[in-house]
Amino acid sequence: MKKWGFLIGIILIGYIIAQAPAFLVEDKGMPIVILNKDDKYAGYQAISGQKMQEQIHKGNLVLVNSKHAIQPEGVRSDIVYVAGEAELSQGYGLMDQKLMLSREVAERFQRMVEAAGAEDVRYFLMSSGYRDFEKQDELYRQKGSDYALPAGYSEHNLGLSLDVGSSLAAMSEAPEGAWLEKNAWKYGFILRYPKDKVNVTGIQYEPWHFRYVGMPHSAVMAKNGMVLEEYLEMLKAKKNVTVNLDGETYHIHYYQVSKDTRIYLPVNEPYDISGDNMEGVIVTVKKSL
């Protein structure tokens, strides 16, 4: 993944409020879905909703909270012991030598702390990553609901979330915490439980808990002060969102999935698919300007 730079560019978010009833849906001349009257597609392939239903519960944008539990398919398949991967554990301390995390997320985190180190912010610690359901259940029984969540309802059961500390001070006071709050979005991470969103997330402020959602989603959330719950609600309402960021254009499409839904995937453009862990999938298509 290339770095996005350190200056916040102008993020232009174009909302297509409703899908056009005609056969051509466009955004400023750039086709999103082209369907002519002969029912033929140009540049996109149609996938049935029934085939895509398995995708609802997995991906970087799945919502995990007290109402939405992780399904088995939502757990990342690339979980590794971070300490056992020398290239993934440089530039920060590990509080637990048995700590596990998605390899992709660990790679992104390493790049992020390298960038912070270039700005003389370098005393990061990783204290928690992936937990399987059994370990989460044990933690919940030992510590109770004031400290832990039931198995399946914690983001740590995904492999996409990690707890980050500093050897200098608590994260709410440390330069590492301040740097991440300002810059984590550039690397696809969000502060999952901000101080001013407790009424939305249902979780008290946790300046140490970061979640990987990927670009451009982290950028949109940071720009608009959204948490994941609010972002997914916005996508569901708008259906199509266009983001221009650092020379890339992203078309984000939300589909509420049923067996009769048609989901369109580009043939020749890179894209990512994530479920929301509720009833929809998000297709993100990237195109260079």
Protein backbone atom coordinates (compact mmCIF):
# COMPACT_ATOMS: atom_id res chain seq x y z
CA MET A 1 0.00 0.00 0.00
CA LYS A 2 1.50 3.30 -0.95
CA LYS A 3 1.69 6.04 1.61
CA TRP A 4 -0.81 8.81 1.34
CA GLY A 5 1.45 11.66 2.44
CA PHE A 6 1.20 13.77 5.52
CA LEU A 7 -0.84 16.73 4.34
CA ILE A 8 -4.58 16.32 4.48
CA GLY A 9 -5.76 16.81 0.93
CA ILE A 10 -9.14 18.05 -0.04
CA ILE A 11 -11.60 15.20 0.27
CA LEU A 12 -14.48 15.75 -2.05
CA ILE A 13 -17.41 13.53 -1.28
CA GLY A 14 -20.08 13.45 -3.91
CA TYR A 15 -23.34 11.95 -2.87
CA ILE A 16 -25.66 10.31 -5.37
CA ILE A 17 -28.81 10.53 -3.27
CA ALA A 18 -30.87 7.96 -5.09
CA GLN A 19 -30.25 5.48 -7.88
CA ALA A 20 -31.56 6.82 -11.17
CA PRO A 21 -34.60 5.02 -12.51
CA ALA A 22 -33.10 5.00 -16.03
CA PHE A 23 -30.58 2.49 -17.28
CA LEU A 24 -27.56 4.75 -16.96
CA VAL A 25 -26.13 5.80 -13.60
CA GLU A 26 -23.18 8.17 -13.86
CA ASP A 27 -21.13 10.50 -11.69
CA LYS A 28 -19.62 13.44 -13.59
CA GLY A 29 -19.30 11.39 -16.75
CA MET A 30 -17.54 8.47 -15.07
CA PRO A 31 -19.70 5.35 -15.38
CA ILE A 32 -20.59 3.61 -12.14
CA VAL A 33 -23.04 1.09 -13.57
CA ILE A 34 -23.94 1.04 -17.23
CA LEU A 35 -26.94 -0.97 -18.28
CA ASN A 36 -28.43 -0.40 -21.70
CA LYS A 37 -31.94 -1.21 -22.82
CA ASP A 38 -30.79 -4.57 -24.17
CA ASP A 39 -29.87 -5.54 -20.61
CA LYS A 40 -26.16 -5.67 -21.39
CA TYR A 41 -23.42 -4.41 -19.08
CA ALA A 42 -20.28 -2.50 -20.00
CA GLY A 43 -17.33 -2.77 -17.67
CA TYR A 44 -19.22 -4.46 -14.83
CA GLN A 45 -20.37 -7.97 -14.08
CA ALA A 46 -23.57 -8.71 -12.20
CA ILE A 47 -23.44 -11.06 -9.20
CA SER A 48 -26.58 -12.37 -7.56
CA GLY A 49 -27.42 -11.29 -4.04
CA GLN A 50 -27.88 -14.92 -3.06
CA LYS A 51 -24.27 -15.62 -3.99
CA MET A 52 -23.11 -12.53 -2.09
CA GLN A 53 -25.01 -13.20 1.13
CA GLU A 54 -21.99 -14.99 2.58
CA GLN A 55 -20.06 -11.72 2.26
CA ILE A 56 -22.36 -9.79 4.63
CA HIS A 57 -20.49 -10.91 7.74
CA LYS A 58 -16.88 -10.47 6.65
CA GLY A 59 -14.60 -7.66 5.54
CA ASN A 60 -12.88 -4.55 6.90
CA LEU A 61 -16.15 -2.67 7.55
CA VAL A 62 -18.12 -5.24 9.54
CA LEU A 63 -19.84 -3.66 12.52
CA VAL A 64 -19.27 -5.36 15.85
CA ASN A 65 -21.07 -4.06 18.91
CA SER A 66 -23.60 -5.13 21.54
CA LYS A 67 -26.23 -5.72 18.84
CA HIS A 68 -24.10 -7.30 16.13
CA ALA A 69 -21.96 -10.32 16.93
CA ILE A 70 -19.13 -11.65 14.81
CA GLN A 71 -19.95 -14.64 12.67
CA PRO A 72 -17.26 -17.31 12.20
CA GLU A 73 -16.58 -16.19 8.62
CA GLY A 74 -15.86 -12.68 9.90
CA VAL A 75 -12.63 -13.69 11.63
CA ARG A 76 -9.59 -12.82 9.54
CA SER A 77 -7.87 -15.75 7.90
CA ASP A 78 -4.37 -14.20 8.05
CA ILE A 79 -3.91 -14.21 11.86
CA VAL A 80 -0.26 -14.54 12.89
CA TYR A 81 1.85 -14.37 16.05
CA VAL A 82 3.36 -10.92 15.67
CA ALA A 83 6.51 -11.70 17.67
CA GLY A 84 7.23 -14.61 15.35
CA GLU A 85 7.32 -12.32 12.30
CA ALA A 86 10.47 -10.22 12.58
CA GLU A 87 9.46 -7.92 9.74
CA LEU A 88 6.17 -7.09 11.51
CA SER A 89 7.51 -6.22 14.96
CA GLN A 90 10.00 -3.43 14.32
CA GLY A 91 9.73 0.05 15.79
CA TYR A 92 7.46 -0.69 18.77
CA GLY A 93 7.32 -2.83 21.87
CA LEU A 94 5.16 -5.92 22.35
CA MET A 95 3.57 -6.34 25.76
CA ASP A 96 2.69 -9.97 25.06
CA GLN A 97 4.93 -12.30 23.08
CA LYS A 98 1.86 -14.39 22.21
CA LEU A 99 -0.02 -11.45 20.76
CA MET A 100 -1.80 -12.25 17.48
CA LEU A 101 -3.15 -9.99 14.76
CA SER A 102 -4.08 -9.98 11.09
CA ARG A 103 -0.86 -9.94 9.09
CA GLU A 104 -2.22 -7.17 6.87
CA VAL A 105 -3.15 -5.03 9.86
CA ALA A 106 0.24 -5.62 11.49
CA GLU A 107 1.94 -4.51 8.26
CA ARG A 108 -0.17 -1.34 8.14
CA PHE A 109 0.56 -0.63 11.80
CA GLN A 110 4.29 -1.03 11.26
CA ARG A 111 4.24 1.47 8.41
CA MET A 112 2.30 3.86 10.60
CA VAL A 113 4.75 3.73 13.52
CA GLU A 114 7.64 4.16 11.07
CA ALA A 115 6.02 7.38 9.87
CA ALA A 116 5.51 8.51 13.46
CA GLY A 117 9.15 7.72 14.23
CA ALA A 118 10.21 10.01 11.41
CA GLU A 119 8.51 12.77 13.40
CA ASP A 120 10.24 11.74 16.64
CA VAL A 121 7.18 9.97 18.03
CA ARG A 122 8.56 6.54 18.70
CA TYR A 123 7.54 5.03 22.05
CA PHE A 124 4.69 2.80 20.94
CA LEU A 125 3.58 -0.39 22.61
CA MET A 126 1.12 -2.99 21.33
CA SER A 127 -0.69 -4.57 24.25
CA SER A 128 -3.55 -6.53 22.70
CA GLY A 129 -4.63 -7.80 19.31
CA TYR A 130 -6.67 -10.79 18.18
CA ARG A 131 -8.43 -13.02 20.72
CA ASP A 132 -10.33 -16.17 19.83
CA PHE A 133 -13.81 -16.66 21.26
CA GLU A 134 -12.54 -18.97 24.00
CA LYS A 135 -10.00 -16.44 25.25
CA GLN A 136 -12.58 -13.66 25.06
CA ASP A 137 -15.06 -15.72 27.09
CA GLU A 138 -12.39 -16.41 29.70
CA LEU A 139 -11.53 -12.71 29.93
CA TYR A 140 -15.21 -11.79 30.24
CA ARG A 141 -15.79 -14.29 33.03
CA GLN A 142 -12.68 -13.18 34.92
CA LYS A 143 -12.98 -9.41 34.51
CA GLY A 144 -16.72 -8.85 34.08
CA SER A 145 -18.68 -6.51 31.85
CA ASP A 146 -16.95 -3.36 33.13
CA TYR A 147 -13.70 -4.53 31.55
CA ALA A 148 -14.56 -6.92 28.73
CA LEU A 149 -17.28 -7.83 26.25
CA PRO A 150 -18.85 -11.27 25.77
CA ALA A 151 -17.27 -13.58 23.22
CA GLY A 152 -18.28 -12.61 19.70
CA TYR A 153 -19.15 -9.02 20.62
CA SER A 154 -15.60 -7.68 20.88
CA GLU A 155 -13.72 -6.26 17.90
CA HIS A 156 -10.67 -8.10 19.19
CA ASN A 157 -12.32 -11.31 17.97
CA LEU A 158 -11.99 -10.06 14.36
CA GLY A 159 -8.24 -9.61 14.09
CA LEU A 160 -8.70 -6.04 12.82
CA SER A 161 -8.35 -4.21 16.14
CA LEU A 162 -5.47 -3.59 18.48
CA ASP A 163 -4.75 -1.78 21.69
CA VAL A 164 -1.86 0.66 21.46
CA GLY A 165 0.06 2.13 24.39
CA SER A 166 3.04 4.34 25.08
CA SER A 167 6.02 3.75 27.35
CA LEU A 168 5.95 7.46 28.24
CA ALA A 169 2.44 7.99 29.61
CA ALA A 170 -1.19 6.99 29.29
CA MET A 171 -2.41 7.28 25.71
CA SER A 172 -4.74 10.15 26.61
CA GLU A 173 -1.64 12.17 27.54
CA ALA A 174 1.21 10.64 25.53
CA PRO A 175 2.51 12.12 22.26
CA GLU A 176 1.89 8.68 20.70
CA GLY A 177 -1.83 8.98 21.45
CA ALA A 178 -2.02 12.52 20.08
CA TRP A 179 -0.15 11.53 16.91
CA LEU A 180 -2.44 8.58 16.23
CA GLU A 181 -5.60 10.62 16.76
CA LYS A 182 -4.36 13.06 14.15
CA ASN A 183 -2.72 10.71 11.65
CA ALA A 184 -4.03 7.15 11.97
CA TRP A 185 -6.63 7.69 9.22
CA LYS A 186 -3.85 8.10 6.64
CA TYR A 187 -2.99 4.45 7.16
CA GLY A 188 -6.53 3.10 7.22
CA PHE A 189 -7.05 3.13 11.01
CA ILE A 190 -9.70 4.82 13.12
CA LEU A 191 -9.94 5.57 16.83
CA ARG A 192 -12.89 3.29 17.40
CA TYR A 193 -14.27 4.71 20.66
CA PRO A 194 -13.80 8.50 20.79
CA LYS A 195 -14.67 10.58 23.82
CA ASP A 196 -17.54 12.44 22.12
CA LYS A 197 -19.25 9.37 20.61
CA VAL A 198 -20.02 7.28 23.69
CA ASN A 199 -23.75 7.68 23.08
CA VAL A 200 -23.29 6.19 19.58
CA THR A 201 -20.79 3.38 20.24
CA GLY A 202 -22.06 2.43 23.69
CA ILE A 203 -18.43 2.13 24.79
CA GLN A 204 -16.55 4.50 27.06
CA TYR A 205 -13.65 6.51 25.64
CA GLU A 206 -10.72 4.23 24.82
CA PRO A 207 -7.78 6.28 23.51
CA TRP A 208 -5.82 3.07 23.01
CA HIS A 209 -8.25 1.07 20.83
CA PHE A 210 -7.69 1.39 17.07
CA ARG A 211 -9.50 -0.45 14.29
CA TYR A 212 -8.41 -1.01 10.71
CA VAL A 213 -11.08 -0.15 8.11
CA GLY A 214 -8.87 0.79 5.15
CA MET A 215 -8.87 3.66 2.69
CA PRO A 216 -10.84 5.69 1.75
CA HIS A 217 -13.22 4.85 4.60
CA SER A 218 -10.88 6.02 7.36
CA ALA A 219 -10.42 9.34 5.51
CA VAL A 220 -14.16 9.97 5.17
CA MET A 221 -14.78 9.14 8.82
CA ALA A 222 -11.94 11.39 9.98
CA LYS A 223 -13.03 14.28 7.75
CA ASN A 224 -16.62 14.10 8.95
CA GLY A 225 -16.06 13.14 12.58
CA MET A 226 -17.90 9.84 12.16
CA VAL A 227 -17.59 6.55 13.98
CA LEU A 228 -18.23 3.28 12.18
CA GLU A 229 -21.90 3.13 13.16
CA GLU A 230 -22.52 6.57 11.66
CA TYR A 231 -20.51 5.87 8.53
CA LEU A 232 -22.39 2.68 7.70
CA GLU A 233 -25.69 4.44 8.32
CA MET A 234 -24.65 7.18 5.89
CA LEU A 235 -23.67 4.66 3.20
CA LYS A 236 -26.96 2.84 3.58
CA ALA A 237 -28.87 6.10 3.17
CA LYS A 238 -26.85 7.50 0.24
CA LYS A 239 -26.18 4.21 -1.60
CA ASN A 240 -23.38 5.74 -3.72
CA VAL A 241 -20.55 7.99 -2.55
CA THR A 242 -17.58 9.27 -4.55
CA VAL A 243 -14.35 10.28 -2.83
CA ASN A 244 -11.41 12.04 -4.52
CA LEU A 245 -8.27 11.67 -2.43
CA ASP A 246 -4.59 12.15 -3.30
CA GLY A 247 -4.95 11.45 -7.00
CA GLU A 248 -7.34 8.52 -6.60
CA THR A 249 -11.07 8.37 -7.12
CA TYR A 250 -13.08 5.89 -5.09
CA HIS A 251 -16.66 4.91 -5.88
CA ILE A 252 -18.33 3.40 -2.84
CA HIS A 253 -21.57 1.49 -3.43
CA TYR A 254 -23.86 0.10 -0.76
CA TYR A 255 -26.20 -2.81 -1.53
CA GLN A 256 -28.88 -4.16 0.75
CA VAL A 257 -28.61 -7.85 0.01
CA SER A 258 -31.44 -10.20 -0.75
CA LYS A 259 -31.56 -13.16 -3.11
CA ASP A 260 -32.99 -10.87 -5.81
CA THR A 261 -30.31 -8.18 -5.45
CA ARG A 262 -27.92 -7.58 -8.32
CA ILE A 263 -24.47 -6.51 -7.22
CA TYR A 264 -22.16 -5.04 -9.84
CA LEU A 265 -18.41 -5.67 -9.76
CA PRO A 266 -15.98 -4.01 -12.17
CA VAL A 267 -14.18 -6.23 -14.63
CA ASN A 268 -11.04 -4.15 -15.14
CA GLU A 269 -10.78 -1.92 -12.04
CA PRO A 270 -9.47 -2.86 -8.57
CA TYR A 271 -12.18 -3.17 -5.95
CA ASP A 272 -12.80 -4.32 -2.40
CA ILE A 273 -15.91 -5.92 -0.92
CA SER A 274 -16.95 -5.80 2.72
CA GLY A 275 -20.12 -6.70 4.49
CA ASP A 276 -21.58 -4.51 7.21
CA ASN A 277 -22.48 -7.48 9.45
CA MET A 278 -26.13 -6.48 9.24
CA GLU A 279 -27.83 -6.78 5.87
CA GLY A 280 -25.62 -5.14 3.30
CA VAL A 281 -22.34 -5.18 1.41
CA ILE A 282 -20.11 -2.27 0.41
CA VAL A 283 -18.23 -2.39 -2.91
CA THR A 284 -15.36 0.10 -3.15
CA VAL A 285 -13.90 0.68 -6.60
CA LYS A 286 -10.61 2.57 -6.99
CA LYS A 287 -9.65 4.48 -10.14
CA SER A 288 -6.59 6.67 -10.66
CA LEU A 289 -7.31 10.20 -11.83
